[in-house]
PDB file of all heavy atoms in Angstrom:
ATOM      1  N   GLU A   1       6.192   1.732  -5.609  1.00  0.00           N
ATOM      2  CA  GLU A   1       6.089   1.158  -7.004  1.00  0.00           C
ATOM      3  C   GLU A   1       6.439  -0.280  -7.089  1.00  0.00           C
ATOM      4  O   GLU A   1       5.719  -1.098  -7.689  1.00  0.00           O
ATOM      5  CB  GLU A   1       6.967   1.981  -7.942  1.00  0.00           C
ATOM      6  CG  GLU A   1       6.910   1.444  -9.380  1.00  0.00           C
ATOM      7  CD  GLU A   1       7.854   2.183 -10.286  1.00  0.00           C
ATOM      8  OE1 GLU A   1       8.455   3.203  -9.912  1.00  0.00           O
ATOM      9  OE2 GLU A   1       7.973   1.713 -11.452  1.00  0.00           O
ATOM     10  N   ILE A   2       7.511  -0.706  -6.457  1.00  0.00           N
ATOM     11  CA  ILE A   2       8.001  -2.100  -6.617  1.00  0.00           C
ATOM     12  C   ILE A   2       7.012  -3.101  -6.045  1.00  0.00           C
ATOM     13  O   ILE A   2       6.783  -4.189  -6.632  1.00  0.00           O
ATOM     14  CB  ILE A   2       9.390  -2.269  -5.974  1.00  0.00           C
ATOM     15  CG1 ILE A   2      10.073  -3.524  -6.491  1.00  0.00           C
ATOM     16  CG2 ILE A   2       9.332  -2.212  -4.443  1.00  0.00           C
ATOM     17  CD1 ILE A   2      11.552  -3.616  -6.147  1.00  0.00           C
ATOM     18  N   PHE A   3       6.358  -2.787  -4.914  1.00  0.00           N
ATOM     19  CA  PHE A   3       5.384  -3.683  -4.322  1.00  0.00           C
ATOM     20  C   PHE A   3       4.061  -3.725  -5.130  1.00  0.00           C
ATOM     21  O   PHE A   3       3.432  -4.783  -5.292  1.00  0.00           O
ATOM     22  CB  PHE A   3       5.127  -3.343  -2.875  1.00  0.00           C
ATOM     23  CG  PHE A   3       6.337  -3.558  -1.980  1.00  0.00           C
ATOM     24  CD1 PHE A   3       6.776  -2.557  -1.137  1.00  0.00           C
ATOM     25  CD2 PHE A   3       6.998  -4.778  -2.005  1.00  0.00           C
ATOM     26  CE1 PHE A   3       7.884  -2.810  -0.335  1.00  0.00           C
ATOM     27  CE2 PHE A   3       8.086  -4.998  -1.214  1.00  0.00           C
ATOM     28  CZ  PHE A   3       8.545  -3.990  -0.353  1.00  0.00           C
ATOM     29  N   LEU A   4       3.683  -2.579  -5.619  1.00  0.00           N
ATOM     30  CA  LEU A   4       2.457  -2.495  -6.434  1.00  0.00           C
ATOM     31  C   LEU A   4       2.628  -3.317  -7.710  1.00  0.00           C
ATOM     32  O   LEU A   4       1.716  -4.020  -8.193  1.00  0.00           O
ATOM     33  CB  LEU A   4       2.093  -1.064  -6.736  1.00  0.00           C
ATOM     34  CG  LEU A   4       1.664  -0.237  -5.542  1.00  0.00           C
ATOM     35  CD1 LEU A   4       1.546   1.255  -5.935  1.00  0.00           C
ATOM     36  CD2 LEU A   4       0.334  -0.725  -4.978  1.00  0.00           C
ATOM     37  N   LYS A   5       3.813  -3.212  -8.308  1.00  0.00           N
ATOM     38  CA  LYS A   5       4.114  -3.972  -9.551  1.00  0.00           C
ATOM     39  C   LYS A   5       4.156  -5.454  -9.256  1.00  0.00           C
ATOM     40  O   LYS A   5       3.637  -6.273 -10.021  1.00  0.00           O
ATOM     41  CB  LYS A   5       5.437  -3.498 -10.093  1.00  0.00           C
ATOM     42  CG  LYS A   5       5.724  -4.027 -11.513  1.00  0.00           C
ATOM     43  CD  LYS A   5       6.964  -3.358 -12.118  1.00  0.00           C
ATOM     44  CE  LYS A   5       7.216  -3.862 -13.523  1.00  0.00           C
ATOM     45  NZ  LYS A   5       8.409  -3.171 -14.134  1.00  0.00           N
ATOM     46  N   ALA A   6       4.733  -5.842  -8.136  1.00  0.00           N
ATOM     47  CA  ALA A   6       4.808  -7.275  -7.747  1.00  0.00           C
ATOM     48  C   ALA A   6       3.418  -7.882  -7.562  1.00  0.00           C
ATOM     49  O   ALA A   6       3.114  -8.942  -8.005  1.00  0.00           O
ATOM     50  CB  ALA A   6       5.677  -7.464  -6.516  1.00  0.00           C
ATOM     51  N   ALA A   7       2.568  -7.121  -6.859  1.00  0.00           N
ATOM     52  CA  ALA A   7       1.205  -7.587  -6.605  1.00  0.00           C
ATOM     53  C   ALA A   7       0.420  -7.740  -7.923  1.00  0.00           C
ATOM     54  O   ALA A   7      -0.326  -8.645  -8.109  1.00  0.00           O
ATOM     55  CB  ALA A   7       0.474  -6.592  -5.641  1.00  0.00           C
ATOM     56  N   SER A   8       0.675  -6.761  -8.804  1.00  0.00           N
ATOM     57  CA  SER A   8      -0.033  -6.815 -10.085  1.00  0.00           C
ATOM     58  C   SER A   8       0.403  -8.039 -10.915  1.00  0.00           C
ATOM     59  O   SER A   8      -0.443  -8.703 -11.554  1.00  0.00           O
ATOM     60  CB  SER A   8       0.338  -5.560 -10.888  1.00  0.00           C
ATOM     61  OG  SER A   8      -0.255  -5.579 -12.184  1.00  0.00           O
ATOM     62  N   LEU A   9       1.712  -8.370 -10.911  1.00  0.00           N
ATOM     63  CA  LEU A   9       2.200  -9.561 -11.574  1.00  0.00           C
ATOM     64  C   LEU A   9       1.596 -10.866 -10.987  1.00  0.00           C
ATOM     65  O   LEU A   9       1.314 -11.761 -11.760  1.00  0.00           O
ATOM     66  CB  LEU A   9       3.701  -9.607 -11.491  1.00  0.00           C
ATOM     67  CG  LEU A   9       4.505  -8.566 -12.299  1.00  0.00           C
ATOM     68  CD1 LEU A   9       6.009  -8.695 -11.990  1.00  0.00           C
ATOM     69  CD2 LEU A   9       4.279  -8.749 -13.811  1.00  0.00           C
ATOM     70  N   LEU A  10       1.373 -10.877  -9.676  1.00  0.00           N
ATOM     71  CA  LEU A  10       0.757 -12.028  -9.075  1.00  0.00           C
ATOM     72  C   LEU A  10      -0.744 -12.035  -9.274  1.00  0.00           C
ATOM     73  O   LEU A  10      -1.387 -13.068  -9.010  1.00  0.00           O
ATOM     74  CB  LEU A  10       1.008 -12.020  -7.575  1.00  0.00           C
ATOM     75  CG  LEU A  10       2.451 -12.270  -7.108  1.00  0.00           C
ATOM     76  CD1 LEU A  10       2.564 -12.119  -5.582  1.00  0.00           C
ATOM     77  CD2 LEU A  10       2.970 -13.636  -7.539  1.00  0.00           C
ATOM     78  N   GLN A  11      -1.314 -10.893  -9.667  1.00  0.00           N
ATOM     79  CA  GLN A  11      -2.761 -10.751  -9.824  1.00  0.00           C
ATOM     80  C   GLN A  11      -3.482 -10.960  -8.471  1.00  0.00           C
ATOM     81  O   GLN A  11      -4.554 -11.625  -8.390  1.00  0.00           O
ATOM     82  CB  GLN A  11      -3.324 -11.697 -10.929  1.00  0.00           C
ATOM     83  CG  GLN A  11      -2.758 -11.430 -12.277  1.00  0.00           C
ATOM     84  CD  GLN A  11      -3.398 -12.271 -13.384  1.00  0.00           C
ATOM     85  OE1 GLN A  11      -3.600 -13.469 -13.186  1.00  0.00           O
ATOM     86  NE2 GLN A  11      -3.656 -11.669 -14.525  1.00  0.00           N
ATOM     87  N   VAL A  12      -2.858 -10.387  -7.447  1.00  0.00           N
ATOM     88  CA  VAL A  12      -3.453 -10.432  -6.119  1.00  0.00           C
ATOM     89  C   VAL A  12      -3.590  -8.968  -5.625  1.00  0.00           C
ATOM     90  O   VAL A  12      -2.638  -8.179  -5.757  1.00  0.00           O
ATOM     91  CB  VAL A  12      -2.528 -11.164  -5.133  1.00  0.00           C
ATOM     92  CG1 VAL A  12      -3.068 -11.122  -3.689  1.00  0.00           C
ATOM     93  CG2 VAL A  12      -2.411 -12.651  -5.542  1.00  0.00           C
ATOM     94  N   PRO A  13      -4.752  -8.565  -5.132  1.00  0.00           N
ATOM     95  CA  PRO A  13      -4.918  -7.182  -4.600  1.00  0.00           C
ATOM     96  C   PRO A  13      -3.862  -6.865  -3.580  1.00  0.00           C
ATOM     97  O   PRO A  13      -3.569  -7.760  -2.740  1.00  0.00           O
ATOM     98  CB  PRO A  13      -6.316  -7.218  -4.021  1.00  0.00           C
ATOM     99  CG  PRO A  13      -7.044  -8.317  -4.762  1.00  0.00           C
ATOM    100  CD  PRO A  13      -6.025  -9.360  -4.986  1.00  0.00           C
ATOM    101  N   ILE A  14      -3.305  -5.721  -3.600  1.00  0.00           N
ATOM    102  CA  ILE A  14      -2.206  -5.338  -2.726  1.00  0.00           C
ATOM    103  C   ILE A  14      -2.635  -5.451  -1.251  1.00  0.00           C
ATOM    104  O   ILE A  14      -1.795  -5.833  -0.382  1.00  0.00           O
ATOM    105  CB  ILE A  14      -1.672  -3.927  -3.000  1.00  0.00           C
ATOM    106  CG1 ILE A  14      -0.371  -3.668  -2.228  1.00  0.00           C
ATOM    107  CG2 ILE A  14      -2.740  -2.876  -2.690  1.00  0.00           C
ATOM    108  CD1 ILE A  14       0.793  -4.510  -2.628  1.00  0.00           C
ATOM    109  N   ALA A  15      -3.908  -5.203  -0.972  1.00  0.00           N
ATOM    110  CA  ALA A  15      -4.362  -5.306   0.443  1.00  0.00           C
ATOM    111  C   ALA A  15      -4.357  -6.756   0.951  1.00  0.00           C
ATOM    112  O   ALA A  15      -4.434  -7.004   2.171  1.00  0.00           O
ATOM    113  CB  ALA A  15      -5.790  -4.742   0.544  1.00  0.00           C
ATOM    114  N   GLU A  16      -4.263  -7.712   0.040  1.00  0.00           N
ATOM    115  CA  GLU A  16      -4.202  -9.149   0.408  1.00  0.00           C
ATOM    116  C   GLU A  16      -2.765  -9.692   0.308  1.00  0.00           C
ATOM    117  O   GLU A  16      -2.591 -10.905   0.344  1.00  0.00           O
ATOM    118  CB  GLU A  16      -5.167  -9.931  -0.494  1.00  0.00           C
ATOM    119  CG  GLU A  16      -6.635  -9.546  -0.233  1.00  0.00           C
ATOM    120  CD  GLU A  16      -7.598 -10.247  -1.178  1.00  0.00           C
ATOM    121  OE1 GLU A  16      -7.146 -11.036  -2.067  1.00  0.00           O
ATOM    122  OE2 GLU A  16      -8.801 -10.075  -1.006  1.00  0.00           O
ATOM    123  N   CYS A  17      -1.810  -8.804   0.219  1.00  0.00           N
ATOM    124  CA  CYS A  17      -0.401  -9.144   0.203  1.00  0.00           C
ATOM    125  C   CYS A  17       0.261  -8.764   1.489  1.00  0.00           C
ATOM    126  O   CYS A  17       0.027  -7.681   1.999  1.00  0.00           O
ATOM    127  CB  CYS A  17       0.328  -8.451  -0.958  1.00  0.00           C
ATOM    128  SG  CYS A  17      -0.225  -8.924  -2.620  1.00  0.00           S
ATOM    129  N   MET A  18       1.149  -9.630   1.983  1.00  0.00           N
ATOM    130  CA  MET A  18       1.981  -9.251   3.116  1.00  0.00           C
ATOM    131  C   MET A  18       3.430  -9.010   2.622  1.00  0.00           C
ATOM    132  O   MET A  18       3.947  -9.811   1.878  1.00  0.00           O
ATOM    133  CB  MET A  18       2.000 -10.381   4.167  1.00  0.00           C
ATOM    134  CG  MET A  18       2.839  -9.937   5.433  1.00  0.00           C
ATOM    135  SD  MET A  18       2.874 -11.218   6.726  1.00  0.00           S
ATOM    136  CE  MET A  18       4.188 -12.315   6.064  1.00  0.00           C
ATOM    137  N   VAL A  19       3.963  -7.865   3.011  1.00  0.00           N
ATOM    138  CA  VAL A  19       5.342  -7.543   2.622  1.00  0.00           C
ATOM    139  C   VAL A  19       6.229  -7.891   3.794  1.00  0.00           C
ATOM    140  O   VAL A  19       5.980  -7.497   4.950  1.00  0.00           O
ATOM    141  CB  VAL A  19       5.473  -6.037   2.299  1.00  0.00           C
ATOM    142  CG1 VAL A  19       6.941  -5.652   2.212  1.00  0.00           C
ATOM    143  CG2 VAL A  19       4.776  -5.703   0.966  1.00  0.00           C
ATOM    144  N   ALA A  20       7.271  -8.697   3.527  1.00  0.00           N
ATOM    145  CA  ALA A  20       8.273  -9.051   4.507  1.00  0.00           C
ATOM    146  C   ALA A  20       9.525  -8.201   4.279  1.00  0.00           C
ATOM    147  O   ALA A  20      10.137  -8.313   3.239  1.00  0.00           O
ATOM    148  CB  ALA A  20       8.628 -10.535   4.419  1.00  0.00           C
ATOM    149  N   GLU A  21       9.825  -7.303   5.235  1.00  0.00           N
ATOM    150  CA  GLU A  21      10.895  -6.322   5.081  1.00  0.00           C
ATOM    151  C   GLU A  21      11.737  -6.214   6.308  1.00  0.00           C
ATOM    152  O   GLU A  21      11.274  -6.497   7.385  1.00  0.00           O
ATOM    153  CB  GLU A  21      10.283  -4.938   4.741  1.00  0.00           C
ATOM    154  CG  GLU A  21      10.186  -4.605   3.243  1.00  0.00           C
ATOM    155  CD  GLU A  21      11.551  -4.287   2.657  1.00  0.00           C
ATOM    156  OE1 GLU A  21      12.597  -4.276   3.378  1.00  0.00           O
ATOM    157  OE2 GLU A  21      11.623  -4.026   1.405  1.00  0.00           O
ATOM    158  N   ASP A  22      12.990  -5.705   6.116  1.00  0.00           N
ATOM    159  CA  ASP A  22      13.874  -5.492   7.235  1.00  0.00           C
ATOM    160  C   ASP A  22      14.280  -4.032   7.358  1.00  0.00           C
ATOM    161  O   ASP A  22      14.777  -3.588   8.364  1.00  0.00           O
ATOM    162  CB  ASP A  22      15.110  -6.375   7.184  1.00  0.00           C
ATOM    163  CG  ASP A  22      15.973  -6.014   5.966  1.00  0.00           C
ATOM    164  OD1 ASP A  22      15.506  -6.140   4.828  1.00  0.00           O
ATOM    165  OD2 ASP A  22      17.165  -5.622   6.162  1.00  0.00           O
ATOM    166  N   SER A  23      14.183  -3.261   6.254  1.00  0.00           N
ATOM    167  CA  SER A  23      14.643  -1.902   6.196  1.00  0.00           C
ATOM    168  C   SER A  23      13.490  -0.878   6.416  1.00  0.00           C
ATOM    169  O   SER A  23      12.370  -1.140   6.129  1.00  0.00           O
ATOM    170  CB  SER A  23      15.353  -1.596   4.914  1.00  0.00           C
ATOM    171  OG  SER A  23      14.395  -1.491   3.832  1.00  0.00           O
ATOM    172  N   ILE A  24      13.912   0.305   6.900  1.00  0.00           N
ATOM    173  CA  ILE A  24      12.934   1.357   7.030  1.00  0.00           C
ATOM    174  C   ILE A  24      12.404   1.823   5.702  1.00  0.00           C
ATOM    175  O   ILE A  24      11.167   2.047   5.578  1.00  0.00           O
ATOM    176  CB  ILE A  24      13.580   2.540   7.831  1.00  0.00           C
ATOM    177  CG1 ILE A  24      13.931   2.131   9.248  1.00  0.00           C
ATOM    178  CG2 ILE A  24      12.647   3.731   7.827  1.00  0.00           C
ATOM    179  CD1 ILE A  24      14.715   3.160  10.040  1.00  0.00           C
ATOM    180  N   ASN A  25      13.263   1.914   4.710  1.00  0.00           N
ATOM    181  CA  ASN A  25      12.814   2.306   3.389  1.00  0.00           C
ATOM    182  C   ASN A  25      11.777   1.300   2.857  1.00  0.00           C
ATOM    183  O   ASN A  25      10.756   1.661   2.232  1.00  0.00           O
ATOM    184  CB  ASN A  25      13.970   2.360   2.431  1.00  0.00           C
ATOM    185  CG  ASN A  25      14.815   3.612   2.583  1.00  0.00           C
ATOM    186  OD1 ASN A  25      14.308   4.704   2.830  1.00  0.00           O
ATOM    187  ND2 ASN A  25      16.148   3.490   2.508  1.00  0.00           N
ATOM    188  N   GLY A  26      12.033   0.022   3.040  1.00  0.00           N
ATOM    189  CA  GLY A  26      11.105  -1.019   2.627  1.00  0.00           C
ATOM    190  C   GLY A  26       9.779  -0.978   3.331  1.00  0.00           C
ATOM    191  O   GLY A  26       8.724  -1.167   2.726  1.00  0.00           O
ATOM    192  N   LEU A  27       9.818  -0.764   4.639  1.00  0.00           N
ATOM    193  CA  LEU A  27       8.613  -0.689   5.420  1.00  0.00           C
ATOM    194  C   LEU A  27       7.747   0.536   5.029  1.00  0.00           C
ATOM    195  O   LEU A  27       6.538   0.464   5.015  1.00  0.00           O
ATOM    196  CB  LEU A  27       8.959  -0.689   6.913  1.00  0.00           C
ATOM    197  CG  LEU A  27       9.484  -1.973   7.434  1.00  0.00           C
ATOM    198  CD1 LEU A  27      10.158  -1.768   8.797  1.00  0.00           C
ATOM    199  CD2 LEU A  27       8.428  -3.062   7.547  1.00  0.00           C
ATOM    200  N   LYS A  28       8.424   1.652   4.763  1.00  0.00           N
ATOM    201  CA  LYS A  28       7.671   2.831   4.315  1.00  0.00           C
ATOM    202  C   LYS A  28       7.032   2.536   2.969  1.00  0.00           C
ATOM    203  O   LYS A  28       5.862   2.961   2.719  1.00  0.00           O
ATOM    204  CB  LYS A  28       8.655   4.003   4.176  1.00  0.00           C
ATOM    205  CG  LYS A  28       9.077   4.587   5.465  1.00  0.00           C
ATOM    206  CD  LYS A  28      10.005   5.782   5.289  1.00  0.00           C
ATOM    207  CE  LYS A  28      10.426   6.427   6.584  1.00  0.00           C
ATOM    208  NZ  LYS A  28      11.385   7.576   6.372  1.00  0.00           N
TER     209      LYS A  28
END
């Protein structure tokens, strides 16, 4: 949810976003 919401706010398709994460929960 949190990444989908962030991409929506940026108005960038989620497939064109890179997520930078360090945790297993975040990567999942």
